[in-house]
Amino acid sequence: MNRMRWTTLGIAIVSLGATLAKADVVSNGTNLNGTNLNGTNLNGTNLNGTNLNGTNLNGVSLGGTTLSGVRLIGAQLVASDGQGNTLRGDDLIGAQLTGTLDNGDTLPLRIDDVTRGQGANTDIYYYAVSYQRGDGSWGDLCVDPESGVTTTALPLAGRWNYAQGVAGGGAHIADGSSFTFACRGGALAKCAEWGYKPWQSVQGVSLAAHHQTCTRVVRADYCGDGTSHTQNGQLINLYDALGVQDDTRPWLGEASWDENGARAYNLLNRSHLHLIYRLTCDVPLQLLFDSRHEFATGALIVDETPLGSDL
C-alpha cells in the first residue's frame, strides 16, 4: 500500500464566456477483458507541481483571429471564426488559450494536434496540448508521470477539486463556463474511455454520476476526500447495473461506490481490509455483500479484486 506519489493533479480550466474549458493530464489505463488497471492519479500535468485552475476562452485565437462561441459538444471543442464558419477537429490545431495558475498568474496554452478515438470511443477527440514556459519555449502539458511519455487529453465538462484529505477533495464541480482537458492515464480520462462518458445517457440515466463514481473507484478514494489508497497497476474489475461495464471476473466483490466514495466494504474480501481500519472515514463492513442489493440501495458501481491481492 502506498499513497499518491503524484500530488500535482494538474488542471487547466478554460472559461468560455458562456461555454466550457479546462485541462488536465495523464496516460491511459489498460482494460483487459474487463480487468482494469487501478492508479493513483486523478489528473496530472507536466508543470512541476503547479496546477492550472482556469483558462479564459474569451480571446482564444487562431492565426491571429479571435474565435467566438467556443464550446464543448460531447468530447469535442467547437468554435466559430470571424466569417461565421464552425471550427472543430483539425480546424483548431494552432489555437491558443490562456490558462490561470494556482497563484493567479496566466499560462499560454496551444493545441498542437487533434486525433479521434477508435472503436467505441469514436466520439472522443484527443488534443495534444502544450504550454509556454517562461523562456518562451513550449513544453508538453500531458506527460505520463511513470514513463515520461507525452500523451494527449480529452475534454470534459466542468472541473475537479484536486485537494486531498479534505471535504470536497476529488469532487466534480459543475461549471458551465469551464471544461477539463483530462490527460490519458488519469482517472478522469480512464473512466470516460471505459464507457462512463459524462455527456451520454444509458437507459435514460445520465452517466455523469457514474463517471465521477468511477474516478473514486480507480483511485480507491474510499473516503471521497481526494486521497488515493491504491498502487498504480493494481488489478480491479468494476461493473454497474446499466451494463456499461459487466462483471467479467469470478473475483470477490470488494466495495460498492457512488460519487461520494465507498458506501460499503465486503468483510470477506481481504485485499486491503487492514486499510479500512485506518481510514479517516467510516466505511461500513458487510459480511453479506450482495451487488444486487448494493445497486438496489443506491450504489452506482461495484468493484472486485483478485483473491490474495493487496492494494
C-alpha atoms as a PDB file:
ATOM      1  CA  MET A   1       0.000   0.000   0.000  1.00  0.00           C
ATOM      2  CA  ASN A   2       1.290   3.422  -0.807  1.00  0.00           C
ATOM      3  CA  ARG A   3      -0.370   6.728  -1.094  1.00  0.00           C
ATOM      4  CA  MET A   4      -0.413   9.018  -4.040  1.00  0.00           C
ATOM      5  CA  ARG A   5       3.073   9.940  -5.074  1.00  0.00           C
ATOM      6  CA  TRP A   6       1.974  12.416  -7.688  1.00  0.00           C
ATOM      7  CA  THR A   7       0.372  15.254  -5.846  1.00  0.00           C
ATOM      8  CA  THR A   8       0.289  17.549  -8.890  1.00  0.00           C
ATOM      9  CA  LEU A   9      -3.100  16.662 -10.267  1.00  0.00           C
ATOM     10  CA  GLY A  10      -2.880  19.478 -12.791  1.00  0.00           C
ATOM     11  CA  ILE A  11      -5.862  21.071 -14.374  1.00  0.00           C
ATOM     12  CA  ALA A  12      -6.455  23.808 -16.918  1.00  0.00           C
ATOM     13  CA  ILE A  13      -9.912  25.292 -16.590  1.00  0.00           C
ATOM     14  CA  VAL A  14     -10.977  27.118 -19.698  1.00  0.00           C
ATOM     15  CA  SER A  15     -13.557  29.806 -19.160  1.00  0.00           C
ATOM     16  CA  LEU A  16     -15.595  30.133 -22.335  1.00  0.00           C
ATOM     17  CA  GLY A  17     -17.659  33.160 -21.636  1.00  0.00           C
ATOM     18  CA  ALA A  18     -20.842  31.150 -21.971  1.00  0.00           C
ATOM     19  CA  THR A  19     -19.233  27.786 -22.554  1.00  0.00           C
ATOM     20  CA  LEU A  20     -16.563  25.491 -21.141  1.00  0.00           C
ATOM     21  CA  ALA A  21     -12.943  24.553 -20.969  1.00  0.00           C
ATOM     22  CA  LYS A  22     -10.303  23.127 -18.680  1.00  0.00           C
ATOM     23  CA  ALA A  23      -7.157  20.970 -18.729  1.00  0.00           C
ATOM     24  CA  ASP A  24      -5.525  18.003 -17.030  1.00  0.00           C
ATOM     25  CA  VAL A  25      -3.137  15.165 -17.945  1.00  0.00           C
ATOM     26  CA  VAL A  26      -2.009  11.525 -17.659  1.00  0.00           C
ATOM     27  CA  SER A  27      -1.584   8.220 -19.592  1.00  0.00           C
ATOM     28  CA  ASN A  28      -4.426   5.886 -20.467  1.00  0.00           C
ATOM     29  CA  GLY A  29      -5.186   2.849 -18.360  1.00  0.00           C
ATOM     30  CA  THR A  30      -5.493  -0.712 -19.641  1.00  0.00           C
ATOM     31  CA  ASN A  31      -8.768  -2.540 -19.996  1.00  0.00           C
ATOM     32  CA  LEU A  32      -8.084  -6.276 -20.411  1.00  0.00           C
ATOM     33  CA  ASN A  33     -11.294  -8.250 -20.858  1.00  0.00           C
ATOM     34  CA  GLY A  34     -12.998  -6.324 -18.108  1.00  0.00           C
ATOM     35  CA  THR A  35      -9.923  -6.109 -15.876  1.00  0.00           C
ATOM     36  CA  ASN A  36      -8.794  -2.569 -15.269  1.00  0.00           C
ATOM     37  CA  LEU A  37      -5.523  -1.192 -14.004  1.00  0.00           C
ATOM     38  CA  ASN A  38      -6.016   0.967 -10.969  1.00  0.00           C
ATOM     39  CA  GLY A  39      -3.956   4.119 -10.441  1.00  0.00           C
ATOM     40  CA  THR A  40      -3.352   6.982  -8.063  1.00  0.00           C
ATOM     41  CA  ASN A  41      -3.673   9.904 -10.494  1.00  0.00           C
ATOM     42  CA  LEU A  42      -6.896  11.812 -10.801  1.00  0.00           C
ATOM     43  CA  ASN A  43      -5.249  14.069 -13.342  1.00  0.00           C
ATOM     44  CA  GLY A  44      -1.651  15.218 -13.633  1.00  0.00           C
ATOM     45  CA  THR A  45       0.256  17.788 -15.652  1.00  0.00           C
ATOM     46  CA  ASN A  46       3.865  18.416 -16.571  1.00  0.00           C
ATOM     47  CA  LEU A  47       4.011  21.708 -14.697  1.00  0.00           C
ATOM     48  CA  ASN A  48       6.473  20.982 -11.889  1.00  0.00           C
ATOM     49  CA  GLY A  49       3.886  20.960  -9.142  1.00  0.00           C
ATOM     50  CA  THR A  50       1.799  23.882 -10.362  1.00  0.00           C
ATOM     51  CA  ASN A  51      -1.890  23.419 -11.105  1.00  0.00           C
ATOM     52  CA  LEU A  52      -3.868  25.140 -13.818  1.00  0.00           C
ATOM     53  CA  ASN A  53      -7.052  26.473 -12.284  1.00  0.00           C
ATOM     54  CA  GLY A  54      -8.628  28.201 -15.246  1.00  0.00           C
ATOM     55  CA  THR A  55      -8.212  29.313 -18.847  1.00  0.00           C
ATOM     56  CA  ASN A  56     -10.072  32.174 -20.487  1.00  0.00           C
ATOM     57  CA  LEU A  57     -11.629  31.266 -23.805  1.00  0.00           C
ATOM     58  CA  ASN A  58     -12.755  34.788 -24.395  1.00  0.00           C
ATOM     59  CA  GLY A  59      -9.852  35.799 -26.585  1.00  0.00           C
ATOM     60  CA  VAL A  60      -8.962  32.350 -27.870  1.00  0.00           C
ATOM     61  CA  SER A  61      -7.150  32.952 -31.137  1.00  0.00           C
ATOM     62  CA  LEU A  62      -6.151  31.027 -34.218  1.00  0.00           C
ATOM     63  CA  GLY A  63      -3.782  32.535 -36.767  1.00  0.00           C
ATOM     64  CA  GLY A  64      -4.294  35.980 -35.305  1.00  0.00           C
ATOM     65  CA  THR A  65      -8.095  35.735 -35.438  1.00  0.00           C
ATOM     66  CA  THR A  66     -10.124  35.766 -32.244  1.00  0.00           C
ATOM     67  CA  LEU A  67     -12.543  32.841 -32.074  1.00  0.00           C
ATOM     68  CA  SER A  68     -16.056  33.111 -30.687  1.00  0.00           C
ATOM     69  CA  GLY A  69     -18.672  30.693 -29.396  1.00  0.00           C
ATOM     70  CA  VAL A  70     -16.081  28.299 -28.035  1.00  0.00           C
ATOM     71  CA  ARG A  71     -17.952  25.357 -26.569  1.00  0.00           C
ATOM     72  CA  LEU A  72     -17.783  21.675 -25.809  1.00  0.00           C
ATOM     73  CA  ILE A  73     -20.030  19.241 -27.670  1.00  0.00           C
ATOM     74  CA  GLY A  74     -19.621  15.830 -26.093  1.00  0.00           C
ATOM     75  CA  ALA A  75     -15.854  15.396 -26.020  1.00  0.00           C
ATOM     76  CA  GLN A  76     -15.028  17.814 -28.831  1.00  0.00           C
ATOM     77  CA  LEU A  77     -14.151  21.504 -28.813  1.00  0.00           C
ATOM     78  CA  VAL A  78     -16.102  23.634 -31.274  1.00  0.00           C
ATOM     79  CA  ALA A  79     -15.699  27.340 -32.105  1.00  0.00           C
ATOM     80  CA  SER A  80     -16.597  29.952 -34.724  1.00  0.00           C
ATOM     81  CA  ASP A  81     -14.327  32.237 -36.708  1.00  0.00           C
ATOM     82  CA  GLY A  82     -14.933  35.807 -37.843  1.00  0.00           C
ATOM     83  CA  GLN A  83     -16.717  34.671 -41.013  1.00  0.00           C
ATOM     84  CA  GLY A  84     -19.262  32.578 -39.145  1.00  0.00           C
ATOM     85  CA  ASN A  85     -17.587  29.270 -40.015  1.00  0.00           C
ATOM     86  CA  THR A  86     -17.769  26.452 -37.461  1.00  0.00           C
ATOM     87  CA  LEU A  87     -14.351  25.104 -36.493  1.00  0.00           C
ATOM     88  CA  ARG A  88     -13.743  21.687 -34.962  1.00  0.00           C
ATOM     89  CA  GLY A  89     -11.230  18.850 -35.038  1.00  0.00           C
ATOM     90  CA  ASP A  90      -8.147  19.678 -37.135  1.00  0.00           C
ATOM     91  CA  ASP A  91      -9.522  23.177 -37.694  1.00  0.00           C
ATOM     92  CA  LEU A  92      -8.404  24.087 -34.169  1.00  0.00           C
ATOM     93  CA  ILE A  93      -4.770  22.998 -34.496  1.00  0.00           C
ATOM     94  CA  GLY A  94      -2.691  26.016 -33.531  1.00  0.00           C
ATOM     95  CA  ALA A  95      -5.419  27.621 -31.426  1.00  0.00           C
ATOM     96  CA  GLN A  96      -4.056  29.432 -28.377  1.00  0.00           C
ATOM     97  CA  LEU A  97      -5.718  29.792 -24.980  1.00  0.00           C
ATOM     98  CA  THR A  98      -4.715  31.394 -21.706  1.00  0.00           C
ATOM     99  CA  GLY A  99      -4.585  29.281 -18.547  1.00  0.00           C
ATOM    100  CA  THR A 100      -4.692  30.566 -14.978  1.00  0.00           C
ATOM    101  CA  LEU A 101      -2.354  29.056 -12.383  1.00  0.00           C
ATOM    102  CA  ASP A 102      -2.883  28.486  -8.658  1.00  0.00           C
ATOM    103  CA  ASN A 103      -1.221  31.794  -7.834  1.00  0.00           C
ATOM    104  CA  GLY A 104      -3.293  33.764 -10.324  1.00  0.00           C
ATOM    105  CA  ASP A 105      -0.572  34.011 -12.972  1.00  0.00           C
ATOM    106  CA  THR A 106      -1.507  33.184 -16.543  1.00  0.00           C
ATOM    107  CA  LEU A 107      -0.061  30.476 -18.763  1.00  0.00           C
ATOM    108  CA  PRO A 108      -0.334  30.348 -22.565  1.00  0.00           C
ATOM    109  CA  LEU A 109      -1.685  27.042 -23.930  1.00  0.00           C
ATOM    110  CA  ARG A 110      -1.708  25.786 -27.502  1.00  0.00           C
ATOM    111  CA  ILE A 111      -3.454  22.947 -29.318  1.00  0.00           C
ATOM    112  CA  ASP A 112      -0.798  21.168 -31.392  1.00  0.00           C
ATOM    113  CA  ASP A 113      -2.779  18.250 -32.796  1.00  0.00           C
ATOM    114  CA  VAL A 114      -6.229  16.658 -32.733  1.00  0.00           C
ATOM    115  CA  THR A 115      -6.992  12.973 -33.220  1.00  0.00           C
ATOM    116  CA  ARG A 116     -10.166  10.939 -32.973  1.00  0.00           C
ATOM    117  CA  GLY A 117     -10.704   7.859 -30.816  1.00  0.00           C
ATOM    118  CA  GLN A 118     -11.379   4.442 -32.279  1.00  0.00           C
ATOM    119  CA  GLY A 119     -13.915   1.680 -31.807  1.00  0.00           C
ATOM    120  CA  ALA A 120     -16.360   2.502 -29.028  1.00  0.00           C
ATOM    121  CA  ASN A 121     -14.581   5.829 -28.487  1.00  0.00           C
ATOM    122  CA  THR A 122     -15.010   7.454 -31.885  1.00  0.00           C
ATOM    123  CA  ASP A 123     -16.968  10.185 -30.095  1.00  0.00           C
ATOM    124  CA  ILE A 124     -13.845  11.151 -28.128  1.00  0.00           C
ATOM    125  CA  TYR A 125     -11.380  13.672 -29.536  1.00  0.00           C
ATOM    126  CA  TYR A 126      -7.845  13.796 -28.182  1.00  0.00           C
ATOM    127  CA  TYR A 127      -5.873  17.021 -28.016  1.00  0.00           C
ATOM    128  CA  ALA A 128      -2.103  17.364 -27.877  1.00  0.00           C
ATOM    129  CA  VAL A 129      -1.694  20.467 -25.720  1.00  0.00           C
ATOM    130  CA  SER A 130       1.455  22.410 -24.923  1.00  0.00           C
ATOM    131  CA  TYR A 131       2.163  25.298 -22.570  1.00  0.00           C
ATOM    132  CA  GLN A 132       4.608  28.168 -22.903  1.00  0.00           C
ATOM    133  CA  ARG A 133       7.490  28.289 -20.441  1.00  0.00           C
ATOM    134  CA  GLY A 134       8.902  31.487 -19.022  1.00  0.00           C
ATOM    135  CA  ASP A 135      11.730  31.494 -21.585  1.00  0.00           C
ATOM    136  CA  GLY A 136       9.249  31.405 -24.453  1.00  0.00           C
ATOM    137  CA  SER A 137       9.758  27.732 -25.347  1.00  0.00           C
ATOM    138  CA  TRP A 138       6.878  25.249 -25.377  1.00  0.00           C
ATOM    139  CA  GLY A 139       6.524  22.062 -23.361  1.00  0.00           C
ATOM    140  CA  ASP A 140       4.036  19.197 -23.414  1.00  0.00           C
ATOM    141  CA  LEU A 141       1.179  19.672 -20.959  1.00  0.00           C
ATOM    142  CA  CYS A 142       0.355  15.953 -20.752  1.00  0.00           C
ATOM    143  CA  VAL A 143       3.163  13.609 -19.769  1.00  0.00           C
ATOM    144  CA  ASP A 144       2.745  10.197 -18.153  1.00  0.00           C
ATOM    145  CA  PRO A 145       4.328  10.586 -14.691  1.00  0.00           C
ATOM    146  CA  GLU A 146       5.525   6.964 -14.677  1.00  0.00           C
ATOM    147  CA  SER A 147       7.024   6.606 -18.147  1.00  0.00           C
ATOM    148  CA  GLY A 148       7.676  10.227 -19.047  1.00  0.00           C
ATOM    149  CA  VAL A 149       5.988   9.656 -22.413  1.00  0.00           C
ATOM    150  CA  THR A 150       3.996  12.536 -23.878  1.00  0.00           C
ATOM    151  CA  THR A 151       0.287  11.843 -24.133  1.00  0.00           C
ATOM    152  CA  THR A 152      -2.916  13.609 -25.120  1.00  0.00           C
ATOM    153  CA  ALA A 153      -6.030  14.827 -23.339  1.00  0.00           C
ATOM    154  CA  LEU A 154      -9.758  14.617 -23.879  1.00  0.00           C
ATOM    155  CA  PRO A 155     -12.059  17.493 -22.885  1.00  0.00           C
ATOM    156  CA  LEU A 156     -14.613  17.002 -20.110  1.00  0.00           C
ATOM    157  CA  ALA A 157     -17.258  19.475 -18.981  1.00  0.00           C
ATOM    158  CA  GLY A 158     -16.775  21.221 -15.647  1.00  0.00           C
ATOM    159  CA  ARG A 159     -13.795  20.986 -13.351  1.00  0.00           C
ATOM    160  CA  TRP A 160     -12.497  18.984 -10.411  1.00  0.00           C
ATOM    161  CA  ASN A 161     -11.311  19.758  -6.901  1.00  0.00           C
ATOM    162  CA  TYR A 162      -7.713  18.488  -6.710  1.00  0.00           C
ATOM    163  CA  ALA A 163      -7.381  18.791  -2.948  1.00  0.00           C
ATOM    164  CA  GLN A 164      -6.628  15.671  -0.901  1.00  0.00           C
ATOM    165  CA  GLY A 165      -7.772  14.669   2.558  1.00  0.00           C
ATOM    166  CA  VAL A 166     -10.415  17.381   2.851  1.00  0.00           C
ATOM    167  CA  ALA A 167     -14.149  17.600   2.309  1.00  0.00           C
ATOM    168  CA  GLY A 168     -14.805  18.063  -1.393  1.00  0.00           C
ATOM    169  CA  GLY A 169     -11.433  16.696  -2.468  1.00  0.00           C
ATOM    170  CA  GLY A 170     -11.664  14.936  -5.816  1.00  0.00           C
ATOM    171  CA  ALA A 171     -15.212  16.187  -6.392  1.00  0.00           C
ATOM    172  CA  HIS A 172     -16.569  17.252  -9.744  1.00  0.00           C
ATOM    173  CA  ILE A 173     -17.628  20.884  -9.915  1.00  0.00           C
ATOM    174  CA  ALA A 174     -20.364  21.637 -12.420  1.00  0.00           C
ATOM    175  CA  ASP A 175     -19.266  24.810 -14.149  1.00  0.00           C
ATOM    176  CA  GLY A 176     -20.893  25.830 -17.407  1.00  0.00           C
ATOM    177  CA  SER A 177     -18.055  28.249 -18.109  1.00  0.00           C
ATOM    178  CA  SER A 178     -15.238  25.705 -17.972  1.00  0.00           C
ATOM    179  CA  PHE A 179     -14.069  22.281 -19.091  1.00  0.00           C
ATOM    180  CA  THR A 180     -11.175  19.976 -18.237  1.00  0.00           C
ATOM    181  CA  PHE A 181      -8.517  18.595 -20.555  1.00  0.00           C
ATOM    182  CA  ALA A 182      -8.271  15.133 -18.975  1.00  0.00           C
ATOM    183  CA  CYS A 183      -4.891  13.620 -19.807  1.00  0.00           C
ATOM    184  CA  ARG A 184      -4.892   9.963 -20.775  1.00  0.00           C
ATOM    185  CA  GLY A 185      -3.812   7.659 -17.965  1.00  0.00           C
ATOM    186  CA  GLY A 186      -5.513   9.595 -15.195  1.00  0.00           C
ATOM    187  CA  ALA A 187      -8.782   8.512 -13.638  1.00  0.00           C
ATOM    188  CA  LEU A 188     -10.760  11.247 -15.408  1.00  0.00           C
ATOM    189  CA  ALA A 189      -9.738  10.032 -18.846  1.00  0.00           C
ATOM    190  CA  LYS A 190      -9.741   6.318 -17.995  1.00  0.00           C
ATOM    191  CA  CYS A 191     -13.312   6.374 -16.785  1.00  0.00           C
ATOM    192  CA  ALA A 192     -14.565   8.121 -19.916  1.00  0.00           C
ATOM    193  CA  GLU A 193     -12.672   5.674 -22.122  1.00  0.00           C
ATOM    194  CA  TRP A 194     -14.129   2.737 -20.177  1.00  0.00           C
ATOM    195  CA  GLY A 195     -17.601   3.884 -21.182  1.00  0.00           C
ATOM    196  CA  TYR A 196     -18.600   6.214 -18.355  1.00  0.00           C
ATOM    197  CA  LYS A 197     -18.942   9.197 -20.647  1.00  0.00           C
ATOM    198  CA  PRO A 198     -20.498  12.026 -18.642  1.00  0.00           C
ATOM    199  CA  TRP A 199     -22.049  13.568 -21.763  1.00  0.00           C
ATOM    200  CA  GLN A 200     -24.016  10.412 -22.540  1.00  0.00           C
ATOM    201  CA  SER A 201     -27.011   8.609 -21.041  1.00  0.00           C
ATOM    202  CA  VAL A 202     -27.854   4.910 -20.843  1.00  0.00           C
ATOM    203  CA  GLN A 203     -31.432   3.715 -20.314  1.00  0.00           C
ATOM    204  CA  GLY A 204     -32.370   7.332 -19.710  1.00  0.00           C
ATOM    205  CA  VAL A 205     -29.775   7.703 -16.947  1.00  0.00           C
ATOM    206  CA  SER A 206     -27.041  10.312 -17.277  1.00  0.00           C
ATOM    207  CA  LEU A 207     -23.578   8.822 -16.895  1.00  0.00           C
ATOM    208  CA  ALA A 208     -22.174  11.939 -15.209  1.00  0.00           C
ATOM    209  CA  ALA A 209     -22.528  10.487 -11.701  1.00  0.00           C
ATOM    210  CA  HIS A 210     -21.172   7.125 -12.880  1.00  0.00           C
ATOM    211  CA  HIS A 211     -18.109   8.855 -14.319  1.00  0.00           C
ATOM    212  CA  GLN A 212     -17.440  10.643 -11.051  1.00  0.00           C
ATOM    213  CA  THR A 213     -18.020   7.401  -9.142  1.00  0.00           C
ATOM    214  CA  CYS A 214     -15.545   5.617 -11.398  1.00  0.00           C
ATOM    215  CA  THR A 215     -12.858   8.187 -10.554  1.00  0.00           C
ATOM    216  CA  ARG A 216     -13.312   7.302  -6.871  1.00  0.00           C
ATOM    217  CA  VAL A 217     -13.073   3.564  -7.615  1.00  0.00           C
ATOM    218  CA  VAL A 218      -9.987   3.803  -9.829  1.00  0.00           C
ATOM    219  CA  ARG A 219      -8.087   5.729  -7.177  1.00  0.00           C
ATOM    220  CA  ALA A 220      -9.514   3.778  -4.212  1.00  0.00           C
ATOM    221  CA  ASP A 221     -10.740   7.088  -2.833  1.00  0.00           C
ATOM    222  CA  TYR A 222     -12.843   5.393  -0.146  1.00  0.00           C
ATOM    223  CA  CYS A 223     -13.482   8.498   1.896  1.00  0.00           C
ATOM    224  CA  GLY A 224     -14.377  10.670  -1.071  1.00  0.00           C
ATOM    225  CA  ASP A 225     -11.878  13.285   0.061  1.00  0.00           C
ATOM    226  CA  GLY A 226      -9.460  13.114  -2.863  1.00  0.00           C
ATOM    227  CA  THR A 227      -6.974  10.768  -1.172  1.00  0.00           C
ATOM    228  CA  SER A 228      -5.885   7.712  -3.148  1.00  0.00           C
ATOM    229  CA  HIS A 229      -5.376   4.437  -1.272  1.00  0.00           C
ATOM    230  CA  THR A 230      -4.037   2.221  -4.030  1.00  0.00           C
ATOM    231  CA  GLN A 231      -0.977   1.479  -6.126  1.00  0.00           C
ATOM    232  CA  ASN A 232      -0.573   2.131  -9.835  1.00  0.00           C
ATOM    233  CA  GLY A 233      -1.212  -1.089 -11.764  1.00  0.00           C
ATOM    234  CA  GLN A 234      -3.414  -2.802  -9.182  1.00  0.00           C
ATOM    235  CA  LEU A 235      -5.945  -5.020 -10.970  1.00  0.00           C
ATOM    236  CA  ILE A 236      -9.618  -4.380 -10.367  1.00  0.00           C
ATOM    237  CA  ASN A 237     -12.833  -5.315 -12.099  1.00  0.00           C
ATOM    238  CA  LEU A 238     -15.661  -2.802 -11.891  1.00  0.00           C
ATOM    239  CA  TYR A 239     -19.234  -3.097 -13.081  1.00  0.00           C
ATOM    240  CA  ASP A 240     -22.596  -1.380 -12.856  1.00  0.00           C
ATOM    241  CA  ALA A 241     -26.315  -2.064 -13.146  1.00  0.00           C
ATOM    242  CA  LEU A 242     -26.620  -0.261 -16.502  1.00  0.00           C
ATOM    243  CA  GLY A 243     -24.335  -2.657 -18.363  1.00  0.00           C
ATOM    244  CA  VAL A 244     -21.685  -0.095 -19.269  1.00  0.00           C
ATOM    245  CA  GLN A 245     -19.186  -2.414 -17.580  1.00  0.00           C
ATOM    246  CA  ASP A 246     -20.118  -6.035 -16.842  1.00  0.00           C
ATOM    247  CA  ASP A 247     -18.970  -8.408 -14.123  1.00  0.00           C
ATOM    248  CA  THR A 248     -16.491 -10.491 -16.136  1.00  0.00           C
ATOM    249  CA  ARG A 249     -14.358 -11.987 -13.362  1.00  0.00           C
ATOM    250  CA  PRO A 250     -15.004 -14.689 -10.732  1.00  0.00           C
ATOM    251  CA  TRP A 251     -13.443 -12.450  -8.104  1.00  0.00           C
ATOM    252  CA  LEU A 252     -14.747 -11.426  -4.715  1.00  0.00           C
ATOM    253  CA  GLY A 253     -16.612  -8.140  -4.514  1.00  0.00           C
ATOM    254  CA  GLU A 254     -14.619  -5.509  -2.666  1.00  0.00           C
ATOM    255  CA  ALA A 255     -16.776  -2.421  -2.231  1.00  0.00           C
ATOM    256  CA  SER A 256     -19.796  -0.547  -3.534  1.00  0.00           C
ATOM    257  CA  TRP A 257     -19.473   3.081  -4.583  1.00  0.00           C
ATOM    258  CA  ASP A 258     -21.210   6.295  -5.514  1.00  0.00           C
ATOM    259  CA  GLU A 259     -19.846   9.706  -6.458  1.00  0.00           C
ATOM    260  CA  ASN A 260     -19.013  10.464  -2.813  1.00  0.00           C
ATOM    261  CA  GLY A 261     -16.761   7.428  -2.268  1.00  0.00           C
ATOM    262  CA  ALA A 262     -17.243   3.910  -0.889  1.00  0.00           C
ATOM    263  CA  ARG A 263     -20.668   3.047   0.507  1.00  0.00           C
ATOM    264  CA  ALA A 264     -19.886  -0.423   1.912  1.00  0.00           C
ATOM    265  CA  TYR A 265     -16.945  -2.821   2.067  1.00  0.00           C
ATOM    266  CA  ASN A 266     -17.062  -6.616   1.826  1.00  0.00           C
ATOM    267  CA  LEU A 267     -15.760  -8.024   5.104  1.00  0.00           C
ATOM    268  CA  LEU A 268     -14.779 -11.268   3.351  1.00  0.00           C
ATOM    269  CA  ASN A 269     -12.530  -9.524   0.822  1.00  0.00           C
ATOM    270  CA  ARG A 270      -9.130  -9.250   2.487  1.00  0.00           C
ATOM    271  CA  SER A 271      -7.394  -7.399  -0.344  1.00  0.00           C
ATOM    272  CA  HIS A 272      -6.903  -4.374   1.856  1.00  0.00           C
ATOM    273  CA  LEU A 273      -9.065  -4.909   4.884  1.00  0.00           C
ATOM    274  CA  HIS A 274      -6.171  -3.712   7.010  1.00  0.00           C
ATOM    275  CA  LEU A 275      -6.528  -0.314   5.337  1.00  0.00           C
ATOM    276  CA  ILE A 276     -10.202   0.026   6.124  1.00  0.00           C
ATOM    277  CA  TYR A 277      -9.448   0.197   9.822  1.00  0.00           C
ATOM    278  CA  ARG A 278      -7.021   3.081   9.241  1.00  0.00           C
ATOM    279  CA  LEU A 279      -9.268   5.269   7.111  1.00  0.00           C
ATOM    280  CA  THR A 280     -10.359   8.636   8.447  1.00  0.00           C
ATOM    281  CA  CYS A 281     -13.943   7.857   7.418  1.00  0.00           C
ATOM    282  CA  ASP A 282     -16.359   5.118   8.339  1.00  0.00           C
ATOM    283  CA  VAL A 283     -16.940   2.641   5.508  1.00  0.00           C
ATOM    284  CA  PRO A 284     -19.486   0.080   6.741  1.00  0.00           C
ATOM    285  CA  LEU A 285     -18.189  -3.507   6.730  1.00  0.00           C
ATOM    286  CA  GLN A 286     -20.653  -6.071   5.423  1.00  0.00           C
ATOM    287  CA  LEU A 287     -20.384  -9.818   5.946  1.00  0.00           C
ATOM    288  CA  LEU A 288     -23.119 -10.475   3.391  1.00  0.00           C
ATOM    289  CA  PHE A 289     -22.070  -8.423   0.360  1.00  0.00           C
ATOM    290  CA  ASP A 290     -24.573  -8.709  -2.489  1.00  0.00           C
ATOM    291  CA  SER A 291     -24.008  -6.463  -5.505  1.00  0.00           C
ATOM    292  CA  ARG A 292     -27.708  -6.649  -6.442  1.00  0.00           C
ATOM    293  CA  HIS A 293     -28.601  -5.292  -3.019  1.00  0.00           C
ATOM    294  CA  GLU A 294     -25.917  -2.621  -3.318  1.00  0.00           C
ATOM    295  CA  PHE A 295     -27.272  -1.414  -6.665  1.00  0.00           C
ATOM    296  CA  ALA A 296     -30.844  -1.503  -5.375  1.00  0.00           C
ATOM    297  CA  THR A 297     -29.896   0.710  -2.430  1.00  0.00           C
ATOM    298  CA  GLY A 298     -28.063   3.425  -4.347  1.00  0.00           C
ATOM    299  CA  ALA A 299     -24.644   2.130  -5.361  1.00  0.00           C
ATOM    300  CA  LEU A 300     -23.612   3.087  -8.884  1.00  0.00           C
ATOM    301  CA  ILE A 301     -20.542   0.869  -9.274  1.00  0.00           C
ATOM    302  CA  VAL A 302     -19.230  -2.258  -7.536  1.00  0.00           C
ATOM    303  CA  ASP A 303     -15.603  -3.338  -7.797  1.00  0.00           C
ATOM    304  CA  GLU A 304     -13.848  -6.614  -7.114  1.00  0.00           C
ATOM    305  CA  THR A 305     -10.203  -7.646  -6.782  1.00  0.00           C
ATOM    306  CA  PRO A 306      -8.258 -10.876  -7.392  1.00  0.00           C
ATOM    307  CA  LEU A 307      -8.086 -13.199  -4.403  1.00  0.00           C
ATOM    308  CA  GLY A 308      -4.917 -12.623  -2.429  1.00  0.00           C
ATOM    309  CA  SER A 309      -4.296  -9.174  -3.899  1.00  0.00           C
ATOM    310  CA  ASP A 310      -3.009  -6.477  -1.632  1.00  0.00           C
ATOM    311  CA  LEU A 311      -3.628  -2.875  -2.507  1.00  0.00           C
END
